[in-house]
Protein backbone atom coordinates (compact mmCIF):
# COMPACT_ATOMS: atom_id res chain seq x y z
CA MET A 1 47.55 266.17 -11.68
CA THR A 2 43.87 264.41 -10.42
CA GLN A 3 43.14 265.47 -6.92
CA GLU A 4 43.55 262.38 -4.90
CA PRO A 5 39.89 261.40 -3.22
CA GLN A 6 39.41 262.25 0.48
CA PRO A 7 39.16 259.86 2.87
CA ASP A 8 35.71 258.99 5.34
CA GLU A 9 37.85 257.64 8.26
CA ILE A 10 41.42 255.98 8.49
CA ILE A 11 41.51 253.38 11.21
CA ARG A 12 45.04 252.44 12.39
CA LEU A 13 45.38 248.45 12.19
CA TRP A 14 47.35 247.94 15.06
CA PRO A 15 46.62 250.40 17.74
CA ASP A 16 48.78 248.48 20.42
CA GLY A 17 50.91 247.77 17.86
CA PRO A 18 51.85 245.33 14.98
CA PRO A 19 52.43 241.57 16.08
CA SER A 20 55.89 241.43 14.13
CA LYS A 21 58.51 244.41 13.09
CA VAL A 22 60.25 244.84 9.93
CA GLU A 23 63.68 245.73 10.79
CA GLY A 24 65.43 249.24 9.69
CA VAL A 25 62.19 251.45 8.74
CA GLY A 26 63.10 255.08 8.72
CA PRO A 27 60.22 257.83 8.28
CA GLU A 28 57.42 257.82 6.15
CA VAL A 29 57.83 259.01 2.99
CA ALA A 30 55.98 260.08 -0.12
CA PHE A 31 57.19 261.18 -3.52
CA ARG A 32 56.21 261.10 -6.80
CA GLY A 33 58.26 259.45 -9.42
CA PRO A 34 58.00 256.74 -12.17
CA VAL A 35 57.36 253.18 -11.00
CA GLY A 36 56.08 250.30 -13.82
CA THR A 37 53.87 252.37 -16.39
CA ALA A 38 53.03 255.35 -14.66
CA GLY A 39 55.17 258.22 -15.37
CA ASP A 40 54.53 260.47 -12.28
CA ALA A 41 52.88 259.09 -9.18
CA LYS A 42 52.56 259.56 -6.11
CA MET A 43 54.15 256.72 -4.05
CA LEU A 44 55.36 256.19 -0.33
CA ARG A 45 57.80 253.94 1.55
CA ASN A 46 58.84 253.55 4.66
CA VAL A 47 55.60 252.35 5.96
CA SER A 48 55.71 251.74 9.58
CA GLU A 49 52.32 252.15 10.54
CA PRO A 50 49.82 250.55 8.36
CA THR A 51 45.84 252.24 8.22
CA LEU A 52 43.26 251.68 6.96
CA SER A 53 40.87 254.22 4.53
CA VAL A 54 37.29 253.78 4.10
CA PHE A 55 35.59 255.37 0.71
CA ARG A 56 32.06 255.33 0.36
CA PRO A 57 29.90 255.10 -2.82
CA THR A 58 29.86 258.39 -4.67
CA ASN A 59 27.65 256.77 -7.50
CA GLY A 60 24.49 256.97 -4.93
CA LYS A 61 23.68 253.79 -5.21
CA PRO A 62 25.59 251.92 -2.50
CA ASN A 63 25.74 247.68 -3.77
CA GLY A 64 26.65 246.91 0.05
CA VAL A 65 30.30 244.92 -1.31
CA GLY A 66 33.51 246.07 0.18
CA VAL A 67 36.69 245.49 -1.34
CA ILE A 68 40.40 246.19 0.29
CA VAL A 69 42.70 247.78 -1.94
CA CYS A 70 46.54 246.91 -2.10
CA PRO A 71 49.04 249.10 -3.97
CA GLY A 72 52.58 247.25 -4.67
CA GLY A 73 55.71 248.51 -4.77
CA GLY A 74 58.21 245.32 -4.68
CA TRP A 75 57.32 245.94 -0.40
CA ARG A 76 59.42 248.24 -0.99
CA ILE A 77 57.09 250.87 -1.83
CA LEU A 78 53.39 252.04 -1.80
CA ALA A 79 52.16 252.72 -5.05
CA TRP A 80 49.58 254.62 -3.54
CA GLU A 81 48.18 256.45 -6.58
CA HIS A 82 47.93 254.74 -9.68
CA GLU A 83 47.47 251.01 -7.84
CA GLY A 84 45.74 252.95 -4.67
CA THR A 85 43.51 256.14 -4.88
CA ASP A 86 42.94 255.75 -8.77
CA VAL A 87 41.53 252.35 -8.33
CA VAL A 88 39.50 253.93 -4.67
CA ARG A 89 37.88 256.44 -7.02
CA TRP A 90 37.18 253.94 -9.87
CA LEU A 91 34.97 251.33 -7.56
CA THR A 92 33.40 253.87 -5.75
CA ALA A 93 31.92 255.30 -8.81
CA GLN A 94 30.57 251.76 -9.55
CA GLY A 95 28.93 251.88 -5.92
CA TYR A 96 31.22 249.46 -3.84
CA THR A 97 33.14 250.72 -0.50
CA ALA A 98 37.04 250.52 -0.88
CA PHE A 99 39.13 250.76 1.65
CA LEU A 100 42.81 251.15 0.99
CA LEU A 101 45.17 249.11 2.05
CA LYS A 102 48.26 250.87 3.58
CA TYR A 103 50.91 248.09 4.47
CA ARG A 104 53.95 247.68 5.87
CA VAL A 105 56.99 247.86 3.85
CA ARG A 106 60.87 247.18 4.16
CA GLY A 107 62.77 249.98 5.05
CA THR A 108 64.73 252.18 2.43
CA PRO A 109 66.83 255.14 2.33
CA VAL A 110 65.74 258.60 3.77
CA ALA A 111 67.57 260.82 1.00
CA GLN A 112 65.70 260.08 -2.34
CA ALA A 113 68.83 260.19 -4.39
CA ASP A 114 70.35 256.90 -2.11
CA TYR A 115 66.76 255.20 -2.62
CA ASP A 116 66.86 255.94 -6.44
CA ALA A 117 70.69 254.40 -6.47
CA GLN A 118 69.36 251.47 -4.39
CA MET A 119 66.66 250.92 -6.50
CA ALA A 120 68.58 250.80 -9.84
CA LYS A 121 71.53 248.18 -8.51
CA VAL A 122 67.71 246.11 -7.68
CA TYR A 123 66.52 246.55 -11.32
CA THR A 124 70.55 245.65 -12.83
CA GLN A 125 70.11 242.16 -10.77
CA ILE A 126 67.45 240.34 -12.03
CA ASP A 127 67.99 239.00 -15.45
CA LEU A 128 65.39 240.07 -17.89
CA THR A 129 66.49 237.78 -20.68
CA ARG A 130 64.33 235.23 -18.92
CA THR A 131 61.45 234.61 -21.27
CA GLY A 132 59.60 231.78 -22.70
CA LYS A 133 60.59 228.32 -21.19
CA SER A 134 63.00 230.09 -18.64
CA ALA A 135 60.93 233.09 -17.57
CA PHE A 136 61.03 232.83 -13.62
CA ARG A 137 58.03 230.46 -12.11
CA ALA A 138 58.27 232.33 -8.78
CA MET A 139 59.06 235.53 -6.58
CA GLY A 140 62.18 233.96 -5.20
CA GLU A 141 63.34 233.27 -8.59
CA ILE A 142 63.03 236.98 -9.18
CA ILE A 143 64.63 238.33 -5.70
CA PRO A 144 66.28 236.48 -3.07
CA PRO A 145 63.40 235.65 -0.38
CA GLU A 146 65.71 236.77 2.66
CA ALA A 147 64.97 240.19 0.85
CA PHE A 148 61.35 240.49 1.11
CA MET A 149 59.82 237.34 3.27
CA ASP A 150 60.00 239.17 6.44
CA ALA A 151 57.97 241.98 5.06
CA ARG A 152 55.51 239.79 2.57
CA ALA A 153 54.68 238.55 6.08
CA ALA A 154 54.10 241.47 7.89
CA ALA A 155 51.83 242.93 4.90
CA ALA A 156 49.32 239.78 4.79
CA ASP A 157 49.51 240.05 8.70
CA ASP A 158 48.19 243.79 7.62
CA GLY A 159 46.01 242.21 5.42
CA ARG A 160 44.16 239.80 7.72
CA ARG A 161 43.70 242.45 9.72
CA ALA A 162 42.22 245.12 7.53
CA VAL A 163 39.52 241.66 6.53
CA ALA A 164 38.57 241.64 10.23
CA ILE A 165 37.99 245.21 11.03
CA VAL A 166 35.67 245.57 7.84
CA ARG A 167 33.68 242.79 8.85
CA GLU A 168 33.44 243.57 12.30
CA ARG A 169 32.00 247.21 11.37
CA ALA A 170 30.81 246.70 7.92
CA ARG A 171 27.36 247.62 9.25
CA GLU A 172 28.45 250.78 10.14
CA TRP A 173 29.40 250.98 6.02
CA ASP A 174 26.42 249.69 4.68
CA VAL A 175 28.38 246.67 3.22
CA ASP A 176 27.67 243.07 4.04
CA PRO A 177 29.83 241.44 6.09
CA ALA A 178 29.76 238.53 3.68
CA LYS A 179 30.76 240.60 0.57
CA VAL A 180 34.38 241.62 1.39
CA GLY A 181 37.22 241.22 -1.27
CA MET A 182 40.23 242.26 -1.65
CA ILE A 183 42.44 243.32 -4.77
CA GLY A 184 45.75 243.53 -4.98
CA PHE A 185 48.97 244.97 -8.00
CA SER A 186 52.27 243.68 -8.14
CA ALA A 187 52.99 242.90 -3.80
CA GLY A 188 49.96 243.57 -3.24
CA ALA A 189 48.57 240.55 -5.34
CA PHE A 190 50.58 238.19 -3.88
CA LEU A 191 49.32 239.78 -0.15
CA VAL A 192 46.03 239.07 -1.51
CA VAL A 193 46.82 235.52 -2.88
CA ASP A 194 48.93 234.63 0.92
CA VAL A 195 45.20 235.83 2.73
CA ALA A 196 43.37 234.01 0.63
CA MET A 197 45.87 230.50 0.87
CA GLU A 198 45.76 231.10 4.67
CA PRO A 199 42.66 233.48 6.07
CA ARG A 200 42.25 232.63 9.50
CA ALA A 201 39.03 233.12 9.54
CA ALA A 202 35.93 232.65 6.78
CA PRO A 203 37.13 232.89 3.49
CA LEU A 204 36.87 236.24 1.43
CA ALA A 205 33.95 236.53 -0.72
CA PHE A 206 36.07 237.32 -3.85
CA VAL A 207 40.05 237.67 -4.25
CA ALA A 208 41.61 239.88 -7.67
CA ALA A 209 45.28 239.51 -8.05
CA ILE A 210 46.68 242.00 -10.77
CA TYR A 211 49.69 241.14 -11.93
CA GLY A 212 50.90 238.82 -9.53
CA GLY A 213 50.49 236.58 -6.62
CA GLU A 214 51.27 232.53 -6.38
CA THR A 215 51.10 229.91 -4.23
CA LEU A 216 53.81 228.76 -3.08
CA GLY A 217 53.70 225.14 -3.87
CA LYS A 218 51.00 224.83 -1.05
CA PRO A 219 47.65 222.87 -1.36
CA VAL A 220 44.59 225.96 -2.52
CA PRO A 221 42.26 225.79 -0.02
CA ALA A 222 39.19 223.86 -0.86
CA ASP A 223 37.12 226.80 0.21
CA ALA A 224 39.45 229.01 -1.74
CA PRO A 225 37.20 232.51 -3.14
CA PRO A 226 36.81 233.07 -6.90
CA LEU A 227 40.07 234.30 -7.69
CA PHE A 228 40.42 236.84 -10.92
CA THR A 229 44.12 237.79 -12.10
CA CYS A 230 45.51 239.29 -15.63
CA ILE A 231 48.45 240.07 -16.76
CA ALA A 232 50.71 241.20 -19.51
CA GLN A 233 52.41 239.17 -21.76
CA ASP A 234 55.40 241.76 -22.45
CA ASP A 235 55.26 241.30 -18.09
CA PHE A 236 58.68 239.00 -18.36
CA LEU A 237 58.89 239.09 -14.55
CA LEU A 238 55.66 237.46 -13.61
CA TYR A 239 53.55 236.77 -16.34
CA ARG A 240 54.86 232.73 -16.16
CA VAL A 241 54.16 233.40 -11.80
CA VAL A 242 50.63 235.06 -12.62
CA GLU A 243 49.98 231.60 -15.22
CA GLY A 244 51.02 229.40 -12.49
CA LEU A 245 48.57 230.92 -9.70
CA TYR A 246 45.81 230.14 -12.04
CA ALA A 247 46.58 226.41 -12.77
CA ASP A 248 47.51 225.92 -9.41
CA TRP A 249 43.75 227.79 -8.79
CA THR A 250 41.88 225.76 -11.09
CA ASP A 251 43.82 222.63 -10.55
CA ALA A 252 41.88 222.35 -7.50
CA ARG A 253 39.18 222.74 -8.49
CA ARG A 254 38.57 225.77 -7.63
CA SER A 255 36.76 228.79 -9.89
CA ALA A 256 39.51 231.66 -11.52
CA GLU A 257 39.17 233.69 -14.40
CA LEU A 258 42.81 234.76 -16.40
CA HIS A 259 42.95 237.48 -18.52
CA ILE A 260 46.67 237.50 -20.45
CA TYR A 261 46.71 240.74 -22.79
CA ARG A 262 49.68 240.93 -25.68
CA ARG A 263 50.78 244.53 -24.10
CA GLY A 264 50.63 246.28 -21.19
CA ALA A 265 54.07 245.76 -19.43
CA HIS A 266 54.01 245.34 -15.57
CA GLY A 267 52.87 248.07 -12.71
CA PHE A 268 49.95 249.10 -15.48
CA GLY A 269 47.22 250.10 -12.70
CA MET A 270 44.93 252.41 -13.93
CA VAL A 271 47.16 254.04 -16.37
CA LYS A 272 45.62 254.48 -19.61
CA GLN A 273 48.64 253.16 -22.00
CA GLY A 274 46.25 253.06 -25.39
CA PHE A 275 47.09 248.96 -24.80
CA PRO A 276 44.93 246.03 -24.30
CA SER A 277 45.50 245.76 -20.75
CA ASP A 278 43.90 249.33 -20.58
CA ARG A 279 40.43 247.32 -20.46
CA TRP A 280 41.27 245.01 -17.38
CA THR A 281 38.87 247.38 -15.18
CA GLU A 282 36.00 246.11 -17.61
CA HIS A 283 37.10 242.95 -17.52
CA PHE A 284 37.18 242.78 -13.75
CA HIS A 285 33.70 244.32 -12.90
CA ASP A 286 32.07 241.98 -15.88
CA TRP A 287 33.80 238.80 -13.45
CA LEU A 288 32.35 240.04 -10.08
CA ARG A 289 28.51 240.88 -12.23
CA ASP A 290 28.71 237.23 -12.98
CA LEU A 291 29.26 236.25 -9.64
CA GLY A 292 26.61 238.61 -8.37
CA PHE A 293 28.91 241.07 -6.26
CA ALA A 294 27.47 244.16 -8.92
């Protein structure tokens, strides 16, 4: 198990309390377990106090670009390691200043056994036979909207607040305020797309939605940031959803790049499986270079 990188600073997003509340969230729990393709990784749940952890470049060559990292977890957990701290480690080694967002999620049972039973029940309710033409086209087809929309809205508010903080204090961290982007995984990908669709401030410099994200049928803004997205074809939950995201972006004549890998399943993050999806970080870095952000 690799040692978790230590942040230079941890910032509370809402010192006076968030603008909205996700009901029924108990004490925060850290645990280890399987999620997606990660066999044993650190997770967080019952997050009600959102924070932003700051990590400076470790390669001695800061490039002035800030990247806010948003782990996934279905708005119930945060996949803190393989979609969070491992991503931070990779970004800072490339010269980026990384900001790891711990955003609010829905409440889950305090006891781990009760949580595990709850999640097992949730998974049995998802129809994984829907492939090809019948594949899911929207998140609301996978899980009833009432099961996640409150947490999704809170997460997006946390994301917008994180962007504002990074821009306000960018010079302290040798970051150009005009070079702040976001990368998110699964539910975190929906978060970053939600922010890109409705930033309530200046547009992001770029947005990367890794196996997730949708526009909900809303028009893509005329100044929407360049989009990078990728998905595995054997991710039967979201591969059509991500294809739809790419189509919406390009239909609006906004810059976008999509990679569909033959294998990788859902939730690969930084896990190396020996599959084509292992190369997503190379493709992402090439895309950033092409945009001038590397």
